[in-house]
Amino acid sequence: MYSVSLASKLLAVAVVGPVVIVAAFLISPTNNFTSSLVAAGGVLSALGLGWIFIGANRPYAFLLAEALPRVVLTLLAVVGLHLGGPLWLYALSVALGSTVAFVLGAIIARLPIRPRGVSGGEVADAVKTQAVVVVGRAIASLYTTLPVTLLGLVNPTQIAVFSATDRPLRMGLMVIAGVPNRLQSWIGHPDAHVGRARSIKSIGLNSVLGVIAGGVFLTAGPIVIPILFSGAIEPGIDLYLLGAAIVLLVCTSRGLGLALVAANRAPAITEAIAGAAVTGVAGVLILGALFGAGGALAAVALAEAVGVLWQIVRFRQTGGPQFSKGTR
């Protein structure tokens, strides 16, 4: 499984990497080399072995292989920048971080750093099998970055307020993503009934996490965000309420996503993402034009709600033999 995964990832990196690196070089108005190096680091991060450690229930190995090298290299880059070093030091830390994480992960997991005994047909089958999930991730990546651009088209004066609310929210969601990651190996169980019961518990746990995290954002946001932006931007309470709702919906969606994967219904996640993307794009353009940053955030919340509802419908359709087929 590891060799097939690595081979398919190397193929993806070989195809996507040059395109992304050249695009970053051409798009960046300044520091073209630095931008390309950061892009290369982002692409190489796909080779990380975090999924191995998550599946094997080895969180400390994940911390050692995936997090520690990146943190250390980033801190070294910060010191170098503080001492007057060039900006590309940070970009180099990103690229090296991805490379070191992969090599260190392979050493810790006692796995080869190149695929062995894998045929072209196996790689093609893996790519084909995962295609629907990849499409979903691609749509999700675009969808999470598009609202700022779309709002800029219809109501550019509201971009700063929207970003001041959305970016800290997304950063917080990245931090608590460790919780659903930690639950992946627990959900997978050879007994279908146990697996489904754990999936339902996972949905509940992630929803509770969403309530707590949303409450933290609602109470801490008015204190932290003005400090982050030096008092130049102070979103209203309506934006914090909408942000808290988005946090709750995203956390719930993550729990549902885990359950659908365990039930062998991963394509349903892509369906939910597609529906959310269409709702979000249309909503940001319309509500953003009418109500500014608040309208754009309301559209994002509505889009997340559409995704959650669709996943609930799909998960309710699972059970019995279907669920058993997807568990490991």
C-alpha atoms as a PDB file:
ATOM      1  CA  MET A   1       0.000   0.000   0.000  1.00  0.00           C
ATOM      2  CA  TYR A   2       2.823   2.382   0.913  1.00  0.00           C
ATOM      3  CA  SER A   3       4.722   1.676  -2.315  1.00  0.00           C
ATOM      4  CA  VAL A   4       1.633   2.218  -4.470  1.00  0.00           C
ATOM      5  CA  SER A   5       0.874   5.425  -2.577  1.00  0.00           C
ATOM      6  CA  LEU A   6       4.421   6.729  -2.929  1.00  0.00           C
ATOM      7  CA  ALA A   7       4.582   5.875  -6.620  1.00  0.00           C
ATOM      8  CA  SER A   8       1.297   7.653  -7.345  1.00  0.00           C
ATOM      9  CA  LYS A   9       2.372  10.670  -5.290  1.00  0.00           C
ATOM     10  CA  LEU A  10       5.710  10.882  -7.107  1.00  0.00           C
ATOM     11  CA  LEU A  11       3.809  10.803 -10.385  1.00  0.00           C
ATOM     12  CA  ALA A  12       1.534  13.613  -9.201  1.00  0.00           C
ATOM     13  CA  VAL A  13       4.511  15.679  -8.007  1.00  0.00           C
ATOM     14  CA  ALA A  14       6.284  15.177 -11.338  1.00  0.00           C
ATOM     15  CA  VAL A  15       3.225  16.395 -13.245  1.00  0.00           C
ATOM     16  CA  VAL A  16       1.973  19.167 -10.966  1.00  0.00           C
ATOM     17  CA  GLY A  17       5.283  20.384  -9.535  1.00  0.00           C
ATOM     18  CA  PRO A  18       6.730  22.095 -12.631  1.00  0.00           C
ATOM     19  CA  VAL A  19       3.395  23.746 -13.420  1.00  0.00           C
ATOM     20  CA  VAL A  20       3.029  25.156  -9.914  1.00  0.00           C
ATOM     21  CA  ILE A  21       6.655  26.294  -9.692  1.00  0.00           C
ATOM     22  CA  VAL A  22       6.526  28.108 -13.036  1.00  0.00           C
ATOM     23  CA  ALA A  23       3.131  29.632 -12.205  1.00  0.00           C
ATOM     24  CA  ALA A  24       4.452  30.931  -8.872  1.00  0.00           C
ATOM     25  CA  PHE A  25       7.469  32.429 -10.650  1.00  0.00           C
ATOM     26  CA  LEU A  26       5.342  34.190 -13.265  1.00  0.00           C
ATOM     27  CA  ILE A  27       2.554  35.383 -10.957  1.00  0.00           C
ATOM     28  CA  SER A  28       4.759  36.867  -8.243  1.00  0.00           C
ATOM     29  CA  PRO A  29       5.401  40.573  -8.891  1.00  0.00           C
ATOM     30  CA  THR A  30       8.666  40.393  -6.889  1.00  0.00           C
ATOM     31  CA  ASN A  31      10.829  37.693  -5.290  1.00  0.00           C
ATOM     32  CA  ASN A  32      10.094  35.250  -8.101  1.00  0.00           C
ATOM     33  CA  PHE A  33      12.706  32.715  -6.992  1.00  0.00           C
ATOM     34  CA  THR A  34      11.441  32.807  -3.416  1.00  0.00           C
ATOM     35  CA  SER A  35       7.867  32.258  -4.558  1.00  0.00           C
ATOM     36  CA  SER A  36       8.903  29.299  -6.703  1.00  0.00           C
ATOM     37  CA  LEU A  37      10.814  27.753  -3.803  1.00  0.00           C
ATOM     38  CA  VAL A  38       7.798  28.064  -1.495  1.00  0.00           C
ATOM     39  CA  ALA A  39       5.627  26.480  -4.204  1.00  0.00           C
ATOM     40  CA  ALA A  40       8.105  23.605  -4.534  1.00  0.00           C
ATOM     41  CA  GLY A  41       7.964  23.039  -0.782  1.00  0.00           C
ATOM     42  CA  GLY A  42       4.193  22.973  -0.892  1.00  0.00           C
ATOM     43  CA  VAL A  43       4.146  20.366  -3.651  1.00  0.00           C
ATOM     44  CA  LEU A  44       6.779  18.200  -1.942  1.00  0.00           C
ATOM     45  CA  SER A  45       4.689  18.169   1.243  1.00  0.00           C
ATOM     46  CA  ALA A  46       2.421  15.705  -0.570  1.00  0.00           C
ATOM     47  CA  LEU A  47       5.079  13.047   0.029  1.00  0.00           C
ATOM     48  CA  GLY A  48       4.673  13.273   3.813  1.00  0.00           C
ATOM     49  CA  LEU A  49       4.013  10.067   5.732  1.00  0.00           C
ATOM     50  CA  GLY A  50       1.555  11.556   8.193  1.00  0.00           C
ATOM     51  CA  TRP A  51      -1.161   9.238   6.888  1.00  0.00           C
ATOM     52  CA  ILE A  52       0.957   6.223   7.837  1.00  0.00           C
ATOM     53  CA  PHE A  53       1.346   7.381  11.435  1.00  0.00           C
ATOM     54  CA  ILE A  54      -2.324   8.371  11.691  1.00  0.00           C
ATOM     55  CA  GLY A  55      -3.425   4.963  10.433  1.00  0.00           C
ATOM     56  CA  ALA A  56      -0.971   3.165  12.712  1.00  0.00           C
ATOM     57  CA  ASN A  57      -2.101   5.245  15.709  1.00  0.00           C
ATOM     58  CA  ARG A  58       1.392   6.687  16.299  1.00  0.00           C
ATOM     59  CA  PRO A  59       0.814  10.370  17.127  1.00  0.00           C
ATOM     60  CA  TYR A  60       4.279  10.876  18.617  1.00  0.00           C
ATOM     61  CA  ALA A  61       5.914   9.571  15.452  1.00  0.00           C
ATOM     62  CA  PHE A  62       3.741  12.019  13.501  1.00  0.00           C
ATOM     63  CA  LEU A  63       4.923  14.839  15.755  1.00  0.00           C
ATOM     64  CA  LEU A  64       8.569  13.855  15.406  1.00  0.00           C
ATOM     65  CA  ALA A  65       8.561  13.300  11.654  1.00  0.00           C
ATOM     66  CA  GLU A  66       6.066  15.855  10.360  1.00  0.00           C
ATOM     67  CA  ALA A  67       5.949  18.743  12.814  1.00  0.00           C
ATOM     68  CA  LEU A  68       9.350  18.967  14.489  1.00  0.00           C
ATOM     69  CA  PRO A  69      11.525  19.385  11.357  1.00  0.00           C
ATOM     70  CA  ARG A  70       9.261  22.089   9.966  1.00  0.00           C
ATOM     71  CA  VAL A  71       9.154  23.996  13.242  1.00  0.00           C
ATOM     72  CA  VAL A  72      12.931  23.839  13.728  1.00  0.00           C
ATOM     73  CA  LEU A  73      13.711  24.909  10.165  1.00  0.00           C
ATOM     74  CA  THR A  74      11.143  27.719  10.304  1.00  0.00           C
ATOM     75  CA  LEU A  75      12.624  29.030  13.555  1.00  0.00           C
ATOM     76  CA  LEU A  76      16.119  28.954  12.021  1.00  0.00           C
ATOM     77  CA  ALA A  77      14.780  30.916   9.045  1.00  0.00           C
ATOM     78  CA  VAL A  78      13.196  33.459  11.400  1.00  0.00           C
ATOM     79  CA  VAL A  79      16.526  33.928  13.176  1.00  0.00           C
ATOM     80  CA  GLY A  80      18.256  34.343   9.833  1.00  0.00           C
ATOM     81  CA  LEU A  81      15.720  36.951   8.703  1.00  0.00           C
ATOM     82  CA  HIS A  82      16.037  38.776  12.013  1.00  0.00           C
ATOM     83  CA  LEU A  83      19.795  38.977  11.482  1.00  0.00           C
ATOM     84  CA  GLY A  84      19.254  40.537   8.070  1.00  0.00           C
ATOM     85  CA  GLY A  85      19.260  37.454   5.875  1.00  0.00           C
ATOM     86  CA  PRO A  86      17.429  37.254   2.537  1.00  0.00           C
ATOM     87  CA  LEU A  87      13.768  36.327   2.246  1.00  0.00           C
ATOM     88  CA  TRP A  88      14.576  33.102   0.407  1.00  0.00           C
ATOM     89  CA  LEU A  89      15.775  31.650   3.727  1.00  0.00           C
ATOM     90  CA  TYR A  90      12.141  31.164   4.685  1.00  0.00           C
ATOM     91  CA  ALA A  91      11.347  29.603   1.314  1.00  0.00           C
ATOM     92  CA  LEU A  92      14.296  27.262   1.736  1.00  0.00           C
ATOM     93  CA  SER A  93      12.994  26.222   5.157  1.00  0.00           C
ATOM     94  CA  VAL A  94       9.646  25.306   3.571  1.00  0.00           C
ATOM     95  CA  ALA A  95      11.245  23.192   0.846  1.00  0.00           C
ATOM     96  CA  LEU A  96      13.712  21.538   3.223  1.00  0.00           C
ATOM     97  CA  GLY A  97      10.965  20.975   5.783  1.00  0.00           C
ATOM     98  CA  SER A  98       8.934  18.910   3.319  1.00  0.00           C
ATOM     99  CA  THR A  99      11.984  16.932   2.207  1.00  0.00           C
ATOM    100  CA  VAL A 100      13.315  16.252   5.704  1.00  0.00           C
ATOM    101  CA  ALA A 101       9.826  15.288   6.932  1.00  0.00           C
ATOM    102  CA  PHE A 102       9.533  12.654   4.208  1.00  0.00           C
ATOM    103  CA  VAL A 103      12.984  11.158   4.741  1.00  0.00           C
ATOM    104  CA  LEU A 104      12.698  11.213   8.530  1.00  0.00           C
ATOM    105  CA  GLY A 105       9.231   9.703   8.345  1.00  0.00           C
ATOM    106  CA  ALA A 106      10.498   6.864   6.168  1.00  0.00           C
ATOM    107  CA  ILE A 107      13.322   6.190   8.630  1.00  0.00           C
ATOM    108  CA  ILE A 108      10.983   6.163  11.638  1.00  0.00           C
ATOM    109  CA  ALA A 109       8.447   3.948   9.863  1.00  0.00           C
ATOM    110  CA  ARG A 110      11.252   1.734   8.499  1.00  0.00           C
ATOM    111  CA  LEU A 111      10.056   2.170   4.956  1.00  0.00           C
ATOM    112  CA  PRO A 112      12.033   2.728   1.735  1.00  0.00           C
ATOM    113  CA  ILE A 113      12.323   6.206   0.272  1.00  0.00           C
ATOM    114  CA  ARG A 114      11.435   4.888  -3.181  1.00  0.00           C
ATOM    115  CA  PRO A 115       8.593   2.587  -4.265  1.00  0.00           C
ATOM    116  CA  ARG A 116       9.457  -1.069  -4.698  1.00  0.00           C
ATOM    117  CA  GLY A 117       7.692  -3.820  -6.582  1.00  0.00           C
ATOM    118  CA  VAL A 118       4.977  -1.580  -8.001  1.00  0.00           C
ATOM    119  CA  SER A 119       3.659  -1.942 -11.536  1.00  0.00           C
ATOM    120  CA  GLY A 120       2.380   0.841 -13.753  1.00  0.00           C
ATOM    121  CA  GLY A 121      -1.045  -0.768 -13.706  1.00  0.00           C
ATOM    122  CA  GLU A 122      -1.215  -0.592  -9.903  1.00  0.00           C
ATOM    123  CA  VAL A 123      -0.310   3.087  -9.971  1.00  0.00           C
ATOM    124  CA  ALA A 124      -2.907   3.779 -12.665  1.00  0.00           C
ATOM    125  CA  ASP A 125      -5.571   1.952 -10.638  1.00  0.00           C
ATOM    126  CA  ALA A 126      -4.656   3.952  -7.526  1.00  0.00           C
ATOM    127  CA  VAL A 127      -4.887   7.247  -9.390  1.00  0.00           C
ATOM    128  CA  LYS A 128      -8.211   6.228 -10.923  1.00  0.00           C
ATOM    129  CA  THR A 129      -9.625   5.110  -7.587  1.00  0.00           C
ATOM    130  CA  GLN A 130      -8.636   8.328  -5.834  1.00  0.00           C
ATOM    131  CA  ALA A 131      -9.581  10.628  -8.718  1.00  0.00           C
ATOM    132  CA  VAL A 132     -12.979  11.578  -7.316  1.00  0.00           C
ATOM    133  CA  VAL A 133     -11.423  12.463  -3.951  1.00  0.00           C
ATOM    134  CA  VAL A 134      -8.660  14.471  -5.633  1.00  0.00           C
ATOM    135  CA  VAL A 135     -11.272  16.418  -7.589  1.00  0.00           C
ATOM    136  CA  GLY A 136     -13.081  17.132  -4.338  1.00  0.00           C
ATOM    137  CA  ARG A 137      -9.910  18.359  -2.665  1.00  0.00           C
ATOM    138  CA  ALA A 138      -9.130  20.553  -5.672  1.00  0.00           C
ATOM    139  CA  ILE A 139     -12.589  22.116  -5.543  1.00  0.00           C
ATOM    140  CA  ALA A 140     -12.269  22.608  -1.786  1.00  0.00           C
ATOM    141  CA  SER A 141      -8.873  24.291  -2.162  1.00  0.00           C
ATOM    142  CA  LEU A 142     -10.226  26.690  -4.760  1.00  0.00           C
ATOM    143  CA  TYR A 143     -13.429  27.293  -2.829  1.00  0.00           C
ATOM    144  CA  THR A 144     -11.657  28.251   0.410  1.00  0.00           C
ATOM    145  CA  THR A 145      -9.464  30.784  -1.398  1.00  0.00           C
ATOM    146  CA  LEU A 146     -12.055  32.213  -3.804  1.00  0.00           C
ATOM    147  CA  PRO A 147     -14.285  34.225  -1.418  1.00  0.00           C
ATOM    148  CA  VAL A 148     -11.696  37.003  -1.048  1.00  0.00           C
ATOM    149  CA  THR A 149     -11.287  37.282  -4.815  1.00  0.00           C
ATOM    150  CA  LEU A 150     -15.025  37.167  -5.445  1.00  0.00           C
ATOM    151  CA  LEU A 151     -15.726  39.762  -2.781  1.00  0.00           C
ATOM    152  CA  GLY A 152     -13.060  41.940  -4.369  1.00  0.00           C
ATOM    153  CA  LEU A 153     -14.988  41.842  -7.629  1.00  0.00           C
ATOM    154  CA  VAL A 154     -18.313  42.967  -6.149  1.00  0.00           C
ATOM    155  CA  ASN A 155     -17.369  44.909  -3.007  1.00  0.00           C
ATOM    156  CA  PRO A 156     -13.604  45.593  -2.819  1.00  0.00           C
ATOM    157  CA  THR A 157     -13.816  47.930   0.173  1.00  0.00           C
ATOM    158  CA  GLN A 158     -14.916  44.992   2.344  1.00  0.00           C
ATOM    159  CA  ILE A 159     -11.937  42.719   1.614  1.00  0.00           C
ATOM    160  CA  ALA A 160      -9.888  43.818   4.623  1.00  0.00           C
ATOM    161  CA  VAL A 161     -12.696  43.241   7.137  1.00  0.00           C
ATOM    162  CA  PHE A 162     -13.580  39.881   5.608  1.00  0.00           C
ATOM    163  CA  SER A 163      -9.966  38.698   5.576  1.00  0.00           C
ATOM    164  CA  ALA A 164      -9.399  39.860   9.140  1.00  0.00           C
ATOM    165  CA  THR A 165     -12.194  37.523  10.225  1.00  0.00           C
ATOM    166  CA  ASP A 166     -11.663  34.647   7.812  1.00  0.00           C
ATOM    167  CA  ARG A 167      -7.891  34.154   8.024  1.00  0.00           C
ATOM    168  CA  PRO A 168      -7.603  33.751  11.839  1.00  0.00           C
ATOM    169  CA  LEU A 169     -10.653  31.469  11.648  1.00  0.00           C
ATOM    170  CA  ARG A 170      -8.963  29.247   9.056  1.00  0.00           C
ATOM    171  CA  MET A 171      -5.731  29.181  11.048  1.00  0.00           C
ATOM    172  CA  GLY A 172      -7.630  28.002  14.114  1.00  0.00           C
ATOM    173  CA  LEU A 173      -9.340  25.281  12.083  1.00  0.00           C
ATOM    174  CA  MET A 174      -5.930  24.058  10.917  1.00  0.00           C
ATOM    175  CA  VAL A 175      -4.809  23.712  14.529  1.00  0.00           C
ATOM    176  CA  ILE A 176      -7.788  21.662  15.680  1.00  0.00           C
ATOM    177  CA  ALA A 177      -7.623  19.453  12.572  1.00  0.00           C
ATOM    178  CA  GLY A 178      -5.444  17.200  14.708  1.00  0.00           C
ATOM    179  CA  VAL A 179      -8.554  15.932  16.511  1.00  0.00           C
ATOM    180  CA  PRO A 180     -10.246  14.284  13.496  1.00  0.00           C
ATOM    181  CA  ASN A 181      -6.838  13.042  12.349  1.00  0.00           C
ATOM    182  CA  ARG A 182      -6.401  11.349  15.715  1.00  0.00           C
ATOM    183  CA  LEU A 183      -9.798   9.667  15.400  1.00  0.00           C
ATOM    184  CA  GLN A 184      -9.141   8.038  12.017  1.00  0.00           C
ATOM    185  CA  SER A 185      -7.421   4.920  13.308  1.00  0.00           C
ATOM    186  CA  TRP A 186     -10.033   4.572  16.083  1.00  0.00           C
ATOM    187  CA  ILE A 187     -12.983   4.639  13.684  1.00  0.00           C
ATOM    188  CA  GLY A 188     -11.624   1.908  11.435  1.00  0.00           C
ATOM    189  CA  HIS A 189     -12.713  -1.440  12.923  1.00  0.00           C
ATOM    190  CA  PRO A 190     -13.246  -4.903  11.371  1.00  0.00           C
ATOM    191  CA  ASP A 191     -16.675  -5.206  13.008  1.00  0.00           C
ATOM    192  CA  ALA A 192     -19.210  -3.192  10.980  1.00  0.00           C
ATOM    193  CA  HIS A 193     -21.433  -2.413  13.977  1.00  0.00           C
ATOM    194  CA  VAL A 194     -18.517  -1.197  16.073  1.00  0.00           C
ATOM    195  CA  GLY A 195     -17.206   0.874  13.177  1.00  0.00           C
ATOM    196  CA  ARG A 196     -20.545   2.578  12.618  1.00  0.00           C
ATOM    197  CA  ALA A 197     -21.030   3.208  16.333  1.00  0.00           C
ATOM    198  CA  ARG A 198     -17.595   4.795  16.521  1.00  0.00           C
ATOM    199  CA  SER A 199     -18.328   6.897  13.444  1.00  0.00           C
ATOM    200  CA  ILE A 200     -21.460   8.267  15.099  1.00  0.00           C
ATOM    201  CA  LYS A 201     -19.498   9.024  18.250  1.00  0.00           C
ATOM    202  CA  SER A 202     -16.826  10.724  16.140  1.00  0.00           C
ATOM    203  CA  ILE A 203     -19.447  12.954  14.520  1.00  0.00           C
ATOM    204  CA  GLY A 204     -20.659  13.903  17.991  1.00  0.00           C
ATOM    205  CA  LEU A 205     -17.143  14.548  19.286  1.00  0.00           C
ATOM    206  CA  ASN A 206     -16.283  16.753  16.315  1.00  0.00           C
ATOM    207  CA  SER A 207     -19.539  18.662  16.702  1.00  0.00           C
ATOM    208  CA  VAL A 208     -18.807  19.276  20.377  1.00  0.00           C
ATOM    209  CA  LEU A 209     -15.320  20.407  19.380  1.00  0.00           C
ATOM    210  CA  GLY A 210     -16.983  22.806  16.924  1.00  0.00           C
ATOM    211  CA  VAL A 211     -19.164  24.266  19.676  1.00  0.00           C
ATOM    212  CA  ILE A 212     -16.149  24.784  21.935  1.00  0.00           C
ATOM    213  CA  ALA A 213     -13.908  26.162  19.183  1.00  0.00           C
ATOM    214  CA  GLY A 214     -16.696  28.405  17.898  1.00  0.00           C
ATOM    215  CA  GLY A 215     -17.213  29.722  21.417  1.00  0.00           C
ATOM    216  CA  VAL A 216     -13.496  30.432  21.729  1.00  0.00           C
ATOM    217  CA  PHE A 217     -13.521  32.313  18.422  1.00  0.00           C
ATOM    218  CA  LEU A 218     -16.598  34.294  19.465  1.00  0.00           C
ATOM    219  CA  THR A 219     -15.089  35.356  22.802  1.00  0.00           C
ATOM    220  CA  ALA A 220     -11.394  35.635  21.946  1.00  0.00           C
ATOM    221  CA  GLY A 221     -11.791  37.058  18.441  1.00  0.00           C
ATOM    222  CA  PRO A 222     -12.811  40.576  19.536  1.00  0.00           C
ATOM    223  CA  ILE A 223      -9.696  40.667  21.726  1.00  0.00           C
ATOM    224  CA  VAL A 224      -7.117  39.017  19.473  1.00  0.00           C
ATOM    225  CA  ILE A 225      -8.036  40.204  15.971  1.00  0.00           C
ATOM    226  CA  PRO A 226      -7.751  43.965  16.714  1.00  0.00           C
ATOM    227  CA  ILE A 227      -4.299  43.252  18.183  1.00  0.00           C
ATOM    228  CA  LEU A 228      -3.244  41.240  15.122  1.00  0.00           C
ATOM    229  CA  PHE A 229      -4.232  44.119  12.858  1.00  0.00           C
ATOM    230  CA  SER A 230      -2.937  46.884  15.136  1.00  0.00           C
ATOM    231  CA  GLY A 231      -6.426  48.217  15.777  1.00  0.00           C
ATOM    232  CA  ALA A 232      -6.856  49.191  12.123  1.00  0.00           C
ATOM    233  CA  ILE A 233      -9.606  46.622  11.595  1.00  0.00           C
ATOM    234  CA  GLU A 234     -12.284  45.728  14.147  1.00  0.00           C
ATOM    235  CA  PRO A 235     -14.999  43.411  12.797  1.00  0.00           C
ATOM    236  CA  GLY A 236     -18.482  43.721  14.234  1.00  0.00           C
ATOM    237  CA  ILE A 237     -20.141  41.160  16.487  1.00  0.00           C
ATOM    238  CA  ASP A 238     -22.178  39.863  13.524  1.00  0.00           C
ATOM    239  CA  LEU A 239     -18.972  38.750  11.816  1.00  0.00           C
ATOM    240  CA  TYR A 240     -17.785  36.923  14.932  1.00  0.00           C
ATOM    241  CA  LEU A 241     -21.136  35.144  15.225  1.00  0.00           C
ATOM    242  CA  LEU A 242     -20.964  34.055  11.598  1.00  0.00           C
ATOM    243  CA  GLY A 243     -17.350  32.961  12.086  1.00  0.00           C
ATOM    244  CA  ALA A 244     -18.348  30.837  15.092  1.00  0.00           C
ATOM    245  CA  ALA A 245     -21.091  29.219  13.016  1.00  0.00           C
ATOM    246  CA  ILE A 246     -18.577  28.412  10.263  1.00  0.00           C
ATOM    247  CA  VAL A 247     -16.237  26.801  12.805  1.00  0.00           C
ATOM    248  CA  LEU A 248     -19.056  24.601  14.117  1.00  0.00           C
ATOM    249  CA  LEU A 249     -20.125  23.558  10.617  1.00  0.00           C
ATOM    250  CA  VAL A 250     -16.567  22.781   9.453  1.00  0.00           C
ATOM    251  CA  CYS A 251     -15.868  20.642  12.522  1.00  0.00           C
ATOM    252  CA  THR A 252     -19.130  18.750  12.041  1.00  0.00           C
ATOM    253  CA  SER A 253     -18.297  18.279   8.371  1.00  0.00           C
ATOM    254  CA  ARG A 254     -14.933  16.788   9.291  1.00  0.00           C
ATOM    255  CA  GLY A 255     -16.592  14.223  11.529  1.00  0.00           C
ATOM    256  CA  LEU A 256     -19.049  13.305   8.793  1.00  0.00           C
ATOM    257  CA  GLY A 257     -16.216  13.042   6.291  1.00  0.00           C
ATOM    258  CA  LEU A 258     -14.391  10.510   8.463  1.00  0.00           C
ATOM    259  CA  ALA A 259     -17.574   8.480   8.806  1.00  0.00           C
ATOM    260  CA  LEU A 260     -18.200   8.476   5.055  1.00  0.00           C
ATOM    261  CA  VAL A 261     -14.651   7.335   4.307  1.00  0.00           C
ATOM    262  CA  ALA A 262     -15.007   4.511   6.833  1.00  0.00           C
ATOM    263  CA  ALA A 263     -18.280   3.535   5.157  1.00  0.00           C
ATOM    264  CA  ASN A 264     -16.613   3.474   1.728  1.00  0.00           C
ATOM    265  CA  ARG A 265     -18.619   6.505   0.614  1.00  0.00           C
ATOM    266  CA  ALA A 266     -15.768   8.962  -0.033  1.00  0.00           C
ATOM    267  CA  PRO A 267     -17.352  10.176  -3.323  1.00  0.00           C
ATOM    268  CA  ALA A 268     -20.195  11.608  -1.227  1.00  0.00           C
ATOM    269  CA  ILE A 269     -17.664  14.040   0.255  1.00  0.00           C
ATOM    270  CA  THR A 270     -16.825  15.329  -3.214  1.00  0.00           C
ATOM    271  CA  GLU A 271     -20.544  15.695  -3.929  1.00  0.00           C
ATOM    272  CA  ALA A 272     -20.941  17.749  -0.751  1.00  0.00           C
ATOM    273  CA  ILE A 273     -17.929  19.906  -1.625  1.00  0.00           C
ATOM    274  CA  ALA A 274     -19.262  20.567  -5.104  1.00  0.00           C
ATOM    275  CA  GLY A 275     -22.649  21.616  -3.734  1.00  0.00           C
ATOM    276  CA  ALA A 276     -21.002  23.825  -1.130  1.00  0.00           C
ATOM    277  CA  ALA A 277     -18.756  25.422  -3.744  1.00  0.00           C
ATOM    278  CA  VAL A 278     -21.646  26.319  -6.052  1.00  0.00           C
ATOM    279  CA  THR A 279     -23.630  27.724  -3.123  1.00  0.00           C
ATOM    280  CA  GLY A 280     -20.643  29.626  -1.786  1.00  0.00           C
ATOM    281  CA  VAL A 281     -19.576  31.200  -5.068  1.00  0.00           C
ATOM    282  CA  ALA A 282     -23.081  32.367  -5.917  1.00  0.00           C
ATOM    283  CA  GLY A 283     -23.712  33.464  -2.336  1.00  0.00           C
ATOM    284  CA  VAL A 284     -20.528  35.508  -2.002  1.00  0.00           C
ATOM    285  CA  LEU A 285     -21.200  37.304  -5.280  1.00  0.00           C
ATOM    286  CA  ILE A 286     -24.799  38.147  -4.339  1.00  0.00           C
ATOM    287  CA  LEU A 287     -24.679  38.607  -0.568  1.00  0.00           C
ATOM    288  CA  GLY A 288     -21.193  40.127  -0.674  1.00  0.00           C
ATOM    289  CA  ALA A 289     -22.400  42.776  -3.104  1.00  0.00           C
ATOM    290  CA  LEU A 290     -25.461  43.531  -0.978  1.00  0.00           C
ATOM    291  CA  PHE A 291     -24.121  43.250   2.565  1.00  0.00           C
ATOM    292  CA  GLY A 292     -20.332  43.373   2.322  1.00  0.00           C
ATOM    293  CA  ALA A 293     -18.122  41.232   4.547  1.00  0.00           C
ATOM    294  CA  GLY A 294     -21.080  40.043   6.620  1.00  0.00           C
ATOM    295  CA  GLY A 295     -22.886  38.860   3.512  1.00  0.00           C
ATOM    296  CA  ALA A 296     -19.794  37.047   2.260  1.00  0.00           C
ATOM    297  CA  LEU A 297     -19.337  35.240   5.588  1.00  0.00           C
ATOM    298  CA  ALA A 298     -23.036  34.371   5.641  1.00  0.00           C
ATOM    299  CA  ALA A 299     -22.610  32.851   2.181  1.00  0.00           C
ATOM    300  CA  VAL A 300     -19.635  30.786   3.400  1.00  0.00           C
ATOM    301  CA  ALA A 301     -21.681  29.583   6.389  1.00  0.00           C
ATOM    302  CA  LEU A 302     -24.599  28.685   4.095  1.00  0.00           C
ATOM    303  CA  ALA A 303     -22.242  26.769   1.811  1.00  0.00           C
ATOM    304  CA  GLU A 304     -20.813  24.790   4.728  1.00  0.00           C
ATOM    305  CA  ALA A 305     -24.360  24.021   5.890  1.00  0.00           C
ATOM    306  CA  VAL A 306     -25.232  22.647   2.444  1.00  0.00           C
ATOM    307  CA  GLY A 307     -22.180  20.382   2.596  1.00  0.00           C
ATOM    308  CA  VAL A 308     -23.037  19.158   6.088  1.00  0.00           C
ATOM    309  CA  LEU A 309     -26.654  18.400   5.189  1.00  0.00           C
ATOM    310  CA  TRP A 310     -25.640  16.442   2.099  1.00  0.00           C
ATOM    311  CA  GLN A 311     -23.128  14.379   4.081  1.00  0.00           C
ATOM    312  CA  ILE A 312     -25.765  13.645   6.719  1.00  0.00           C
ATOM    313  CA  VAL A 313     -28.112  12.371   4.010  1.00  0.00           C
ATOM    314  CA  ARG A 314     -25.383  10.174   2.530  1.00  0.00           C
ATOM    315  CA  PHE A 315     -24.260   8.824   5.891  1.00  0.00           C
ATOM    316  CA  ARG A 316     -27.828   7.862   6.819  1.00  0.00           C
ATOM    317  CA  GLN A 317     -27.855   5.723   3.686  1.00  0.00           C
ATOM    318  CA  THR A 318     -24.936   3.632   4.964  1.00  0.00           C
ATOM    319  CA  GLY A 319     -25.131   0.698   7.311  1.00  0.00           C
ATOM    320  CA  GLY A 320     -24.887  -3.070   7.459  1.00  0.00           C
ATOM    321  CA  PRO A 321     -22.938  -4.667   4.602  1.00  0.00           C
ATOM    322  CA  GLN A 322     -22.180  -1.325   2.949  1.00  0.00           C
ATOM    323  CA  PHE A 323     -20.486  -0.039   6.064  1.00  0.00           C
ATOM    324  CA  SER A 324     -18.645  -3.293   6.624  1.00  0.00           C
ATOM    325  CA  LYS A 325     -17.223  -3.124   3.096  1.00  0.00           C
ATOM    326  CA  GLY A 326     -15.515   0.166   3.813  1.00  0.00           C
ATOM    327  CA  THR A 327     -13.980  -0.621   7.213  1.00  0.00           C
ATOM    328  CA  ARG A 328     -10.490  -1.953   7.715  1.00  0.00           C
END
